[in-house]
N, C-alpha and C. Protein backbone atom coordinates (compact mmCIF):
# COMPACT_ATOMS: atom_id res chain seq x y z
N MET A 1 11.53 114.05 122.30
CA MET A 1 9.77 113.77 121.93
C MET A 1 9.16 112.06 122.39
N ALA A 2 8.18 112.42 123.09
CA ALA A 2 7.67 111.43 124.03
C ALA A 2 7.34 110.46 122.75
N ARG A 3 7.73 108.91 122.50
CA ARG A 3 6.77 108.24 121.50
C ARG A 3 5.07 108.42 122.15
N THR A 4 4.77 108.24 120.65
CA THR A 4 3.27 107.74 120.69
C THR A 4 2.68 106.94 120.26
N PRO A 5 1.63 106.29 121.66
CA PRO A 5 1.54 104.75 122.03
C PRO A 5 0.84 104.49 120.42
N LEU A 6 1.37 102.81 120.40
CA LEU A 6 1.39 102.37 118.97
C LEU A 6 -0.06 102.02 119.60
N ARG A 7 -1.07 101.25 118.44
CA ARG A 7 -2.67 100.32 119.29
C ARG A 7 -2.42 99.54 119.58
N SER A 8 -1.35 98.88 119.97
CA SER A 8 -1.25 97.27 120.72
C SER A 8 -1.44 98.39 122.16
N ASP A 9 0.42 99.44 122.41
CA ASP A 9 -0.06 100.02 123.30
C ASP A 9 -1.44 100.01 124.11
N LEU A 10 -2.01 101.05 123.30
CA LEU A 10 -3.37 101.51 123.82
C LEU A 10 -4.06 100.24 124.34
N ILE A 11 -4.32 98.80 123.54
CA ILE A 11 -4.86 98.12 123.67
C ILE A 11 -4.58 97.57 125.07
N GLU A 12 -3.43 97.70 125.49
CA GLU A 12 -2.79 96.81 126.57
C GLU A 12 -2.89 97.77 127.92
N GLU A 13 -2.77 99.08 127.60
CA GLU A 13 -3.08 99.75 128.91
C GLU A 13 -4.59 99.91 128.75
N ILE A 14 -5.58 100.08 128.32
CA ILE A 14 -7.07 100.21 128.27
C ILE A 14 -7.17 98.61 128.83
N THR A 15 -6.93 97.91 128.67
CA THR A 15 -7.34 95.98 128.91
C THR A 15 -6.91 95.82 130.51
N ALA A 16 -5.70 96.63 131.07
CA ALA A 16 -5.73 97.22 132.19
C ALA A 16 -6.09 97.44 132.89
N ARG A 17 -6.54 98.24 132.44
CA ARG A 17 -7.63 99.61 133.60
C ARG A 17 -8.93 99.05 133.51
N VAL A 18 -9.28 98.19 132.66
CA VAL A 18 -10.23 97.20 132.86
C VAL A 18 -10.08 96.50 133.71
N LEU A 19 -9.45 95.56 133.58
CA LEU A 19 -9.13 94.77 134.49
C LEU A 19 -8.95 95.07 136.12
N ASP A 20 -8.08 96.28 136.22
CA ASP A 20 -7.84 96.77 137.81
C ASP A 20 -8.94 97.64 138.60
N GLY A 21 -10.04 97.60 137.64
CA GLY A 21 -10.99 98.26 138.26
C GLY A 21 -11.45 99.71 137.81
N ARG A 22 -9.78 100.64 137.13
CA ARG A 22 -9.92 101.92 136.52
C ARG A 22 -11.13 102.39 135.79
N LEU A 23 -11.06 101.11 135.04
CA LEU A 23 -12.51 101.13 134.47
C LEU A 23 -13.03 100.27 134.85
N PRO A 24 -13.89 100.43 135.57
CA PRO A 24 -14.96 99.70 136.21
C PRO A 24 -16.20 99.24 135.49
N ALA A 25 -16.40 98.11 135.87
CA ALA A 25 -17.77 97.16 134.84
C ALA A 25 -19.20 97.73 135.38
N GLY A 26 -19.68 98.33 133.53
CA GLY A 26 -20.71 98.91 134.23
C GLY A 26 -20.84 100.14 133.34
N ALA A 27 -19.39 100.88 133.69
CA ALA A 27 -18.73 102.42 133.46
C ALA A 27 -18.91 102.91 132.04
N ARG A 28 -19.08 104.03 131.51
CA ARG A 28 -19.10 104.16 129.85
C ARG A 28 -17.94 104.83 130.01
N VAL A 29 -16.87 104.59 128.52
CA VAL A 29 -15.66 105.11 128.34
C VAL A 29 -15.61 106.66 127.96
N ASN A 30 -15.10 107.72 128.87
CA ASN A 30 -15.18 109.17 128.51
C ASN A 30 -13.99 109.08 127.14
N GLU A 31 -14.05 109.15 126.12
CA GLU A 31 -13.03 108.86 125.06
C GLU A 31 -12.25 110.43 125.29
N VAL A 32 -12.73 111.51 125.95
CA VAL A 32 -12.01 112.68 125.87
C VAL A 32 -11.19 112.94 126.84
N HIS A 33 -11.37 112.46 127.78
CA HIS A 33 -10.79 112.35 128.96
C HIS A 33 -9.94 111.09 128.81
N LEU A 34 -10.17 110.04 128.21
CA LEU A 34 -9.37 109.29 128.30
C LEU A 34 -7.32 109.17 127.22
N ALA A 35 -8.28 109.62 126.25
CA ALA A 35 -7.26 110.56 125.18
C ALA A 35 -6.67 111.55 125.81
N ARG A 36 -6.70 112.22 126.55
CA ARG A 36 -5.97 113.17 127.48
C ARG A 36 -5.09 112.51 128.25
N GLU A 37 -5.65 111.66 128.89
CA GLU A 37 -4.63 111.02 129.69
C GLU A 37 -3.41 110.04 129.70
N LEU A 38 -3.76 109.32 128.02
CA LEU A 38 -3.11 108.79 127.46
C LEU A 38 -2.29 109.69 126.55
N GLY A 39 -2.61 110.49 126.24
CA GLY A 39 -1.78 111.73 125.30
C GLY A 39 -1.78 111.24 124.06
N VAL A 40 -3.27 110.75 123.32
CA VAL A 40 -3.52 110.42 121.85
C VAL A 40 -4.36 111.07 121.43
N SER A 41 -4.68 111.10 120.11
CA SER A 41 -5.80 111.29 119.58
C SER A 41 -7.12 110.92 119.76
N ARG A 42 -8.32 111.03 119.35
CA ARG A 42 -9.19 110.08 119.46
C ARG A 42 -9.09 109.32 118.41
N THR A 43 -8.24 109.53 117.13
CA THR A 43 -8.36 108.74 116.43
C THR A 43 -8.22 107.54 116.42
N PRO A 44 -6.65 106.98 117.09
CA PRO A 44 -5.91 106.09 117.51
C PRO A 44 -6.70 105.38 118.97
N LEU A 45 -7.06 106.22 119.55
CA LEU A 45 -8.09 105.69 120.83
C LEU A 45 -9.11 105.05 120.00
N ARG A 46 -10.09 105.19 119.33
CA ARG A 46 -11.32 104.76 119.10
C ARG A 46 -10.68 103.80 118.38
N GLU A 47 -9.54 103.71 117.66
CA GLU A 47 -9.06 102.07 116.72
C GLU A 47 -8.90 100.97 117.66
N ALA A 48 -8.33 101.69 118.79
CA ALA A 48 -7.97 100.22 119.90
C ALA A 48 -9.45 99.71 120.84
N LEU A 49 -10.22 101.01 121.17
CA LEU A 49 -11.43 100.59 121.33
C LEU A 49 -12.09 99.48 120.73
N ILE A 50 -12.61 100.14 119.67
CA ILE A 50 -12.89 98.97 118.44
C ILE A 50 -12.43 97.60 118.56
N GLY A 51 -11.03 97.75 118.66
CA GLY A 51 -10.63 96.09 119.09
C GLY A 51 -10.38 95.54 120.18
N LEU A 52 -10.74 96.53 120.97
CA LEU A 52 -10.90 95.49 122.48
C LEU A 52 -12.77 95.14 122.52
N ALA A 53 -13.91 96.06 121.77
CA ALA A 53 -15.20 95.89 121.46
C ALA A 53 -14.94 94.49 121.00
N ASP A 54 -13.97 94.02 119.87
CA ASP A 54 -14.51 93.17 119.08
C ASP A 54 -13.71 91.65 119.95
N ARG A 55 -13.05 91.93 120.66
CA ARG A 55 -12.75 91.03 121.89
C ARG A 55 -13.33 90.19 122.46
N GLY A 56 -14.67 91.25 123.63
CA GLY A 56 -15.51 91.02 123.87
C GLY A 56 -15.05 92.03 125.41
N LEU A 57 -14.10 92.88 125.51
CA LEU A 57 -13.46 93.01 126.59
C LEU A 57 -14.69 94.26 126.90
N LEU A 58 -14.82 95.05 125.87
CA LEU A 58 -15.84 96.44 125.85
C LEU A 58 -16.93 96.14 124.77
N VAL A 59 -18.09 97.26 124.91
CA VAL A 59 -19.40 97.01 124.33
C VAL A 59 -19.48 97.91 123.55
N SER A 60 -20.22 98.15 122.33
CA SER A 60 -20.40 99.51 121.61
C SER A 60 -21.38 99.48 121.67
N ALA A 61 -22.10 100.89 122.42
CA ALA A 61 -23.70 101.04 122.43
C ALA A 61 -23.81 102.10 121.62
N PRO A 62 -25.05 101.94 120.99
CA PRO A 62 -25.71 103.22 120.05
C PRO A 62 -25.74 104.22 120.75
N GLY A 63 -25.14 106.02 120.36
CA GLY A 63 -25.42 106.56 120.85
C GLY A 63 -25.00 106.73 122.57
N ARG A 64 -23.97 105.71 122.94
CA ARG A 64 -23.11 106.02 124.59
C ARG A 64 -21.94 105.77 124.35
N GLY A 65 -20.93 105.20 123.03
CA GLY A 65 -19.88 105.20 122.86
C GLY A 65 -20.22 103.47 123.07
N PHE A 66 -18.52 103.38 124.08
CA PHE A 66 -18.25 102.21 124.75
C PHE A 66 -18.46 102.16 126.05
N LEU A 67 -18.80 100.47 126.76
CA LEU A 67 -18.88 100.71 127.79
C LEU A 67 -17.98 99.43 128.40
N VAL A 68 -18.11 99.26 129.94
CA VAL A 68 -17.08 98.29 130.53
C VAL A 68 -18.50 97.45 130.64
N PRO A 69 -18.28 96.06 130.03
CA PRO A 69 -19.49 95.16 130.68
C PRO A 69 -19.36 94.83 131.70
N PRO A 70 -20.97 94.82 132.59
CA PRO A 70 -21.26 94.67 133.81
C PRO A 70 -20.80 92.95 134.04
N PHE A 71 -20.25 92.35 135.44
CA PHE A 71 -20.19 91.33 135.49
C PHE A 71 -21.38 90.32 135.35
N ASP A 72 -21.17 89.27 134.81
CA ASP A 72 -22.21 88.29 133.96
C ASP A 72 -22.08 87.17 134.43
N VAL A 73 -22.77 86.36 135.89
CA VAL A 73 -22.44 84.69 135.79
C VAL A 73 -22.59 84.50 135.05
N ASP A 74 -23.64 84.42 133.82
CA ASP A 74 -23.63 83.52 132.92
C ASP A 74 -22.69 83.63 131.45
N GLU A 75 -21.56 84.53 131.95
CA GLU A 75 -21.10 85.22 130.89
C GLU A 75 -19.66 84.01 131.61
N ALA A 76 -19.17 84.27 133.01
CA ALA A 76 -18.36 83.72 133.22
C ALA A 76 -19.06 81.98 133.49
N ARG A 77 -20.04 81.62 133.06
CA ARG A 77 -20.16 80.48 133.13
C ARG A 77 -20.03 79.56 132.10
N ARG A 78 -19.71 80.44 130.72
CA ARG A 78 -19.48 79.74 129.25
C ARG A 78 -17.70 80.00 129.16
N LEU A 79 -17.14 80.91 130.24
CA LEU A 79 -15.44 81.76 130.17
C LEU A 79 -14.70 79.96 130.56
N TYR A 80 -15.30 80.28 131.67
CA TYR A 80 -14.59 79.68 132.71
C TYR A 80 -13.99 77.75 132.19
N PRO A 81 -14.98 77.49 132.10
CA PRO A 81 -14.98 75.88 130.64
C PRO A 81 -14.52 76.15 129.56
N LEU A 82 -14.37 77.41 128.97
CA LEU A 82 -14.52 77.34 127.57
C LEU A 82 -12.23 77.37 127.94
N VAL A 83 -11.76 78.15 128.75
CA VAL A 83 -10.40 78.38 129.05
C VAL A 83 -10.14 76.88 129.89
N ALA A 84 -10.85 76.24 130.73
CA ALA A 84 -10.01 74.95 130.84
C ALA A 84 -10.13 74.14 129.97
N GLU A 85 -10.36 73.47 128.87
CA GLU A 85 -10.61 73.00 127.96
C GLU A 85 -9.41 73.39 127.05
N LEU A 86 -9.41 74.57 126.67
CA LEU A 86 -8.47 75.23 125.67
C LEU A 86 -6.90 74.49 126.17
N GLU A 87 -6.54 75.09 127.58
CA GLU A 87 -5.92 75.22 128.27
C GLU A 87 -4.87 73.50 128.21
N ALA A 88 -6.17 72.81 128.57
CA ALA A 88 -6.05 71.16 128.91
C ALA A 88 -5.56 70.63 127.48
N LEU A 89 -6.63 71.37 125.82
CA LEU A 89 -5.99 70.65 124.67
C LEU A 89 -4.21 71.33 124.66
N ALA A 90 -3.67 72.64 125.14
CA ALA A 90 -2.34 72.40 124.53
C ALA A 90 -1.60 72.07 125.68
N LEU A 91 -2.19 71.73 126.94
CA LEU A 91 -0.91 70.83 127.38
C LEU A 91 -1.03 69.27 126.62
N ARG A 92 -2.07 68.65 126.33
CA ARG A 92 -1.89 67.76 125.48
C ARG A 92 -1.27 67.14 124.28
N TRP A 93 -1.04 68.60 123.44
CA TRP A 93 -0.66 68.80 122.56
C TRP A 93 1.22 69.18 122.60
N THR A 94 1.14 69.05 123.80
CA THR A 94 2.76 69.38 124.62
C THR A 94 3.69 67.54 124.28
N SER A 95 4.58 67.12 123.68
CA SER A 95 5.20 66.30 123.69
C SER A 95 5.49 66.16 125.16
N PRO A 96 5.74 64.66 125.85
CA PRO A 96 6.37 64.51 126.74
C PRO A 96 7.61 65.16 126.59
N LEU A 97 8.58 65.15 125.54
CA LEU A 97 9.92 64.70 125.61
C LEU A 97 9.94 66.75 125.52
N GLU A 98 8.99 67.92 125.37
CA GLU A 98 9.20 69.63 125.39
C GLU A 98 9.07 69.50 126.94
N LEU A 99 7.90 68.70 127.48
CA LEU A 99 7.70 68.57 129.22
C LEU A 99 8.61 69.11 129.95
N ALA A 100 10.02 67.53 129.69
CA ALA A 100 11.23 67.39 130.43
C ALA A 100 11.75 68.83 131.43
N GLY A 101 11.30 68.65 132.39
CA GLY A 101 12.24 69.77 133.57
C GLY A 101 10.87 70.77 133.78
N LEU A 102 9.93 70.87 133.44
CA LEU A 102 8.49 71.78 133.26
C LEU A 102 8.26 71.49 134.86
N PRO A 103 8.15 70.31 135.27
CA PRO A 103 7.55 70.21 136.36
C PRO A 103 8.24 70.37 137.97
N ASP A 104 9.54 70.96 137.96
CA ASP A 104 10.54 71.65 138.88
C ASP A 104 10.08 72.77 138.83
N ALA A 105 9.92 73.31 137.51
CA ALA A 105 10.03 74.57 137.23
C ALA A 105 8.25 75.20 137.67
N LEU A 106 7.49 74.26 137.47
CA LEU A 106 6.30 74.47 138.24
C LEU A 106 6.16 74.53 140.03
N ASP A 107 6.68 73.90 140.19
CA ASP A 107 6.78 73.67 141.82
C ASP A 107 7.43 75.25 141.91
N ALA A 108 7.94 75.28 142.17
CA ALA A 108 8.93 76.54 142.32
C ALA A 108 8.02 77.54 142.01
N VAL A 109 7.33 78.25 141.29
CA VAL A 109 6.09 78.90 141.22
C VAL A 109 4.65 78.89 141.98
N ALA A 110 4.74 77.63 142.27
CA ALA A 110 3.90 77.76 143.37
C ALA A 110 4.12 77.23 144.29
N ASP A 111 5.40 77.10 144.85
CA ASP A 111 6.39 78.27 146.16
C ASP A 111 6.06 79.78 146.76
N GLU A 112 6.16 80.34 145.14
CA GLU A 112 5.96 81.49 145.23
C GLU A 112 4.46 82.19 145.36
N MET A 113 3.57 81.23 145.22
CA MET A 113 1.89 81.44 145.69
C MET A 113 1.71 81.60 146.52
N THR A 114 2.25 79.83 147.58
CA THR A 114 2.34 79.89 148.57
C THR A 114 3.04 80.90 149.61
N ALA A 115 4.13 81.38 149.46
CA ALA A 115 4.20 82.87 149.79
C ALA A 115 3.92 83.93 149.65
N ALA A 116 3.09 84.41 148.78
CA ALA A 116 2.13 85.06 148.52
C ALA A 116 0.86 85.22 149.22
N LEU A 117 0.22 84.31 149.60
CA LEU A 117 -0.76 84.00 150.34
C LEU A 117 -0.62 84.97 151.30
N ALA A 118 -0.05 85.46 152.31
CA ALA A 118 0.06 86.65 153.37
C ALA A 118 0.07 88.01 153.25
N ASP A 119 0.15 88.06 151.20
CA ASP A 119 -0.49 89.40 150.59
C ASP A 119 -1.55 89.12 150.25
N GLY A 120 -2.31 88.13 150.07
CA GLY A 120 -4.15 87.67 149.52
C GLY A 120 -4.10 88.08 148.31
N ASP A 121 -3.04 88.21 147.15
CA ASP A 121 -2.95 88.20 146.02
C ASP A 121 -2.26 87.44 145.23
N LEU A 122 -2.86 86.12 144.81
CA LEU A 122 -2.02 85.31 143.86
C LEU A 122 -2.56 85.46 142.73
N SER A 123 -2.99 86.54 141.93
CA SER A 123 -3.00 86.34 140.55
C SER A 123 -2.12 86.27 139.85
N GLU A 124 -1.52 87.10 139.91
CA GLU A 124 -0.08 87.79 139.31
C GLU A 124 0.97 86.43 139.08
N VAL A 125 0.88 86.33 140.65
CA VAL A 125 1.17 84.30 140.32
C VAL A 125 0.68 83.65 139.64
N ASP A 126 -0.16 83.11 139.38
CA ASP A 126 -1.19 82.27 138.79
C ASP A 126 -1.23 82.20 138.08
N GLU A 127 -0.99 83.78 137.18
CA GLU A 127 -1.44 83.69 135.69
C GLU A 127 0.04 83.18 134.91
N ARG A 128 1.53 83.80 136.30
CA ARG A 128 2.69 83.05 135.52
C ARG A 128 2.73 81.76 135.69
N TRP A 129 1.92 80.97 136.36
CA TRP A 129 2.57 79.34 136.57
C TRP A 129 1.37 78.72 135.21
N HIS A 130 0.09 79.22 135.00
CA HIS A 130 -0.30 78.73 133.97
C HIS A 130 0.14 79.26 132.63
N ALA A 131 1.09 80.57 132.01
CA ALA A 131 1.70 81.09 131.28
C ALA A 131 2.76 79.85 131.26
N LEU A 132 3.17 79.05 132.46
CA LEU A 132 4.87 78.67 132.26
C LEU A 132 4.04 77.18 131.85
N LEU A 133 3.06 76.58 132.47
CA LEU A 133 2.26 75.67 132.03
C LEU A 133 2.66 75.25 130.38
N LEU A 134 1.95 76.04 129.99
CA LEU A 134 1.16 76.55 128.28
C LEU A 134 2.70 76.66 127.78
N SER A 135 4.17 77.05 128.13
CA SER A 135 5.17 77.61 127.18
C SER A 135 5.72 76.50 126.19
N ARG A 136 5.48 75.08 126.78
CA ARG A 136 6.07 74.13 125.89
C ARG A 136 5.12 74.08 124.88
N CYS A 137 3.77 74.47 124.61
CA CYS A 137 2.95 73.78 123.14
C CYS A 137 3.44 74.48 122.30
N PRO A 138 3.70 73.79 121.34
CA PRO A 138 4.26 73.95 119.66
C PRO A 138 2.68 74.77 118.57
N ASN A 139 1.75 75.00 119.68
CA ASN A 139 0.40 75.56 117.94
C ASN A 139 0.40 77.03 118.89
N PRO A 140 1.13 77.83 117.91
CA PRO A 140 0.29 79.00 118.05
C PRO A 140 -0.87 79.63 118.19
N HIS A 141 -1.84 79.05 117.10
CA HIS A 141 -3.14 79.45 116.86
C HIS A 141 -3.50 79.06 118.14
N LEU A 142 -3.33 77.82 118.69
CA LEU A 142 -3.68 77.38 119.78
C LEU A 142 -3.76 78.77 121.34
N LEU A 143 -2.41 78.99 121.27
CA LEU A 143 -2.22 79.78 122.41
C LEU A 143 -2.49 81.23 122.69
N ARG A 144 -2.56 81.57 120.83
CA ARG A 144 -2.75 83.32 121.07
C ARG A 144 -4.85 83.31 120.84
N LEU A 145 -5.28 81.74 121.15
CA LEU A 145 -6.85 81.80 121.41
C LEU A 145 -7.10 82.19 122.79
N ILE A 146 -6.05 80.94 123.40
CA ILE A 146 -5.99 81.68 124.73
C ILE A 146 -5.81 82.95 125.41
N GLU A 147 -5.19 83.47 124.98
CA GLU A 147 -4.36 84.74 125.24
C GLU A 147 -5.48 86.07 124.95
N GLN A 148 -6.41 85.44 123.84
CA GLN A 148 -7.24 86.86 123.97
C GLN A 148 -8.46 86.23 124.56
N THR A 149 -8.88 85.08 125.17
CA THR A 149 -10.26 84.61 125.68
C THR A 149 -9.40 85.12 127.46
N LYS A 150 -8.76 84.68 127.38
CA LYS A 150 -8.19 84.91 129.47
C LYS A 150 -8.59 86.23 130.02
N PRO A 151 -8.49 87.77 129.07
CA PRO A 151 -8.55 88.49 129.81
C PRO A 151 -10.21 88.76 130.30
N LEU A 152 -11.17 88.31 129.52
CA LEU A 152 -12.47 88.45 129.36
C LEU A 152 -12.48 87.80 131.15
N LEU A 153 -11.97 86.75 131.38
CA LEU A 153 -12.17 85.70 132.60
C LEU A 153 -11.16 86.39 133.46
N LYS A 154 -9.91 87.36 133.40
CA LYS A 154 -9.82 87.37 134.47
C LYS A 154 -10.17 88.84 135.43
N ARG A 155 -11.28 89.18 134.84
CA ARG A 155 -12.67 90.24 135.38
C ARG A 155 -13.28 89.51 136.95
N TYR A 156 -12.98 88.06 136.60
CA TYR A 156 -13.88 87.40 137.65
C TYR A 156 -12.57 86.55 138.47
N GLU A 157 -11.31 86.87 138.72
CA GLU A 157 -10.62 86.36 139.68
C GLU A 157 -10.56 86.20 140.65
N SER A 158 -10.99 87.68 141.29
CA SER A 158 -10.71 88.17 142.69
C SER A 158 -12.19 87.37 143.05
N CYS A 159 -13.24 87.24 142.67
CA CYS A 159 -13.91 86.52 143.63
C CYS A 159 -13.66 84.92 143.71
N TYR A 160 -12.49 84.69 143.32
CA TYR A 160 -12.24 83.27 143.25
C TYR A 160 -10.62 83.22 144.54
N PHE A 161 -9.83 84.21 144.02
CA PHE A 161 -8.78 84.72 144.96
C PHE A 161 -8.78 85.08 146.46
N GLY A 162 -10.14 85.19 146.88
CA GLY A 162 -9.89 86.30 147.74
C GLY A 162 -10.30 85.43 149.28
N GLY A 163 -10.35 83.79 148.93
CA GLY A 163 -10.13 83.67 150.64
C GLY A 163 -9.01 82.40 150.53
N ALA A 164 -8.31 82.63 151.51
CA ALA A 164 -7.48 81.91 151.77
C ALA A 164 -7.44 80.63 151.56
N GLY A 165 -8.80 79.84 151.93
CA GLY A 165 -8.99 78.67 151.50
C GLY A 165 -8.62 77.75 150.44
N ARG A 166 -9.80 78.92 149.91
CA ARG A 166 -9.60 78.49 148.29
C ARG A 166 -8.57 79.00 147.31
N ALA A 167 -7.54 79.73 147.76
CA ALA A 167 -5.95 79.78 147.56
C ALA A 167 -5.40 78.25 147.52
N GLU A 168 -5.56 78.01 149.13
CA GLU A 168 -4.33 76.97 149.25
C GLU A 168 -4.85 75.48 148.83
N GLU A 169 -6.65 75.57 148.26
CA GLU A 169 -6.87 74.56 147.51
C GLU A 169 -6.72 74.65 146.33
N SER A 170 -6.16 75.63 145.73
CA SER A 170 -5.71 76.24 144.05
C SER A 170 -4.37 75.57 144.07
N ILE A 171 -3.75 76.20 144.87
CA ILE A 171 -2.51 75.54 144.94
C ILE A 171 -1.67 74.18 144.93
N GLY A 172 -2.74 73.27 145.98
CA GLY A 172 -2.36 72.20 145.94
C GLY A 172 -3.06 71.44 144.85
N GLU A 173 -3.95 72.08 144.09
CA GLU A 173 -3.91 71.73 142.76
C GLU A 173 -3.08 71.48 141.63
N HIS A 174 -2.79 72.95 141.57
CA HIS A 174 -1.78 73.26 141.31
C HIS A 174 -0.24 72.03 141.18
N ARG A 175 -0.39 71.84 142.06
CA ARG A 175 1.03 70.73 142.52
C ARG A 175 0.48 69.73 142.00
N ARG A 176 -0.84 69.08 142.23
CA ARG A 176 -1.21 67.61 141.72
C ARG A 176 -1.10 67.96 140.20
N ILE A 177 -0.88 68.47 139.72
CA ILE A 177 -0.68 68.52 138.10
C ILE A 177 0.54 68.85 137.67
N ALA A 178 1.62 69.09 138.32
CA ALA A 178 3.03 69.23 138.37
C ALA A 178 3.32 67.99 138.69
N ALA A 179 2.58 67.34 139.71
CA ALA A 179 3.45 65.84 140.05
C ALA A 179 3.07 64.93 138.86
N ALA A 180 1.72 65.06 138.14
CA ALA A 180 1.37 63.97 137.15
C ALA A 180 2.42 64.37 136.41
N LEU A 181 2.45 65.57 135.85
CA LEU A 181 3.25 65.75 135.08
C LEU A 181 4.67 65.07 135.06
N ARG A 182 5.28 65.44 136.35
CA ARG A 182 6.49 64.69 136.53
C ARG A 182 6.32 63.03 136.35
N ASP A 183 4.92 62.16 136.67
CA ASP A 183 5.13 60.79 136.43
C ASP A 183 4.89 60.59 135.18
N GLY A 184 4.58 61.24 134.47
CA GLY A 184 4.53 61.23 132.88
C GLY A 184 2.79 61.23 132.55
N ASP A 185 2.34 61.45 133.57
CA ASP A 185 0.38 60.89 133.36
C ASP A 185 0.07 62.27 133.06
N LEU A 186 -0.25 62.60 131.54
CA LEU A 186 -0.26 63.59 131.05
C LEU A 186 -2.43 63.48 131.09
N PRO A 187 -2.76 62.83 130.83
CA PRO A 187 -4.30 62.62 131.45
C PRO A 187 -4.87 63.62 132.86
N THR A 188 -4.18 62.71 133.95
CA THR A 188 -4.64 63.09 135.22
C THR A 188 -4.20 64.54 135.26
N ALA A 189 -3.21 65.04 134.19
CA ALA A 189 -2.30 66.32 134.76
C ALA A 189 -3.44 67.07 134.06
N SER A 190 -4.55 66.67 132.86
CA SER A 190 -5.23 67.74 132.05
C SER A 190 -6.41 67.73 132.67
N ALA A 191 -6.76 66.34 133.65
CA ALA A 191 -8.01 66.30 134.29
C ALA A 191 -8.29 66.98 135.77
N VAL A 192 -7.13 67.25 136.13
CA VAL A 192 -7.05 68.04 137.11
C VAL A 192 -7.07 69.44 136.87
N LEU A 193 -6.22 69.85 135.59
CA LEU A 193 -6.33 71.18 135.31
C LEU A 193 -7.83 71.68 134.90
N VAL A 194 -8.69 70.88 134.14
CA VAL A 194 -9.74 71.16 133.65
C VAL A 194 -11.08 71.40 135.17
N ARG A 195 -10.63 70.82 136.35
CA ARG A 195 -11.54 70.72 137.61
C ARG A 195 -10.75 71.99 138.09
N ASN A 196 -9.89 72.15 138.20
CA ASN A 196 -9.34 73.60 138.59
C ASN A 196 -9.72 74.74 138.23
N TRP A 197 -10.13 74.54 137.40
CA TRP A 197 -10.62 76.11 136.46
C TRP A 197 -12.24 75.61 137.08
N VAL A 198 -12.78 74.59 136.58
CA VAL A 198 -14.50 74.06 137.18
C VAL A 198 -14.93 74.76 138.77
N LYS A 199 -13.91 74.29 139.85
CA LYS A 199 -13.99 74.81 141.06
C LYS A 199 -14.02 76.38 140.86
N ALA A 200 -13.08 77.23 140.20
CA ALA A 200 -13.13 78.18 140.25
C ALA A 200 -14.26 79.01 140.32
N LEU A 201 -15.13 78.49 139.12
CA LEU A 201 -16.20 79.01 138.52
C LEU A 201 -17.42 78.34 139.85
N ALA A 202 -17.02 77.47 140.34
CA ALA A 202 -18.17 76.95 141.56
C ALA A 202 -17.98 78.37 142.72
N TYR A 203 -17.06 78.67 143.10
CA TYR A 203 -16.85 79.44 143.89
C TYR A 203 -17.74 81.16 143.53
N LEU A 204 -18.10 81.12 142.13
CA LEU A 204 -18.62 82.68 141.89
C LEU A 204 -19.39 82.94 142.50
N GLY A 205 -19.70 84.44 142.64
CA GLY A 205 -20.90 84.29 143.70
C GLY A 205 -21.75 84.00 144.94
N LYS A 206 -20.52 83.34 145.73
CA LYS A 206 -20.35 82.99 146.95
C LYS A 206 -20.24 83.93 147.28
N ASP A 207 -21.09 84.31 149.07
CA ASP A 207 -20.43 85.32 149.50
C ASP A 207 -19.25 85.88 150.64
N GLU A 208 -18.29 84.35 150.29
CA GLU A 208 -17.23 84.26 151.08
C GLU A 208 -16.21 84.85 150.07
N ARG A 209 -15.74 86.09 150.31
CA ARG A 209 -14.24 86.79 149.28
C ARG A 209 -13.51 87.27 150.05
């Protein structure tokens, strides 16, 4: 007998559909069709949808059910600086001893980003790089806050990584962060990290995709 998806499984699957465009921006969620596709009843599905609405990834519209929010540059302007400061805070929270060996590991993932330039999609490797950067942070509450906020921002990532020039610039900043950590210069690493996110925001809405 097939296992009934847990609420967390449903949240993860629906999040993936929003982020990859299977549930496109501005679309209404057809609960009947989605429940059938996922093999669940409406009750656990609705609970998952409510949870995603609480996180801001969906919108509950009276009389219309749940909608995927349209892209909103103002939302991006709020999210990018927020994630930038949260990640920088998580980095500053990490002691130098806990950062030992991390720069080499970060450079190895940056090498993967360079290799992925030919495919044009760096989002998955970039996500792994940032997860590795924060992996030594001892504050689970801060990491949970970042984890809950980032999916809201991921919908905009293709606007940033769409051009090879931007991607190369971002990889260079990733390498500068690793170099600063190798030198024990946490303030510079934090500053470059914030600048990397802020530059991503600056590219949103530009025509070069």
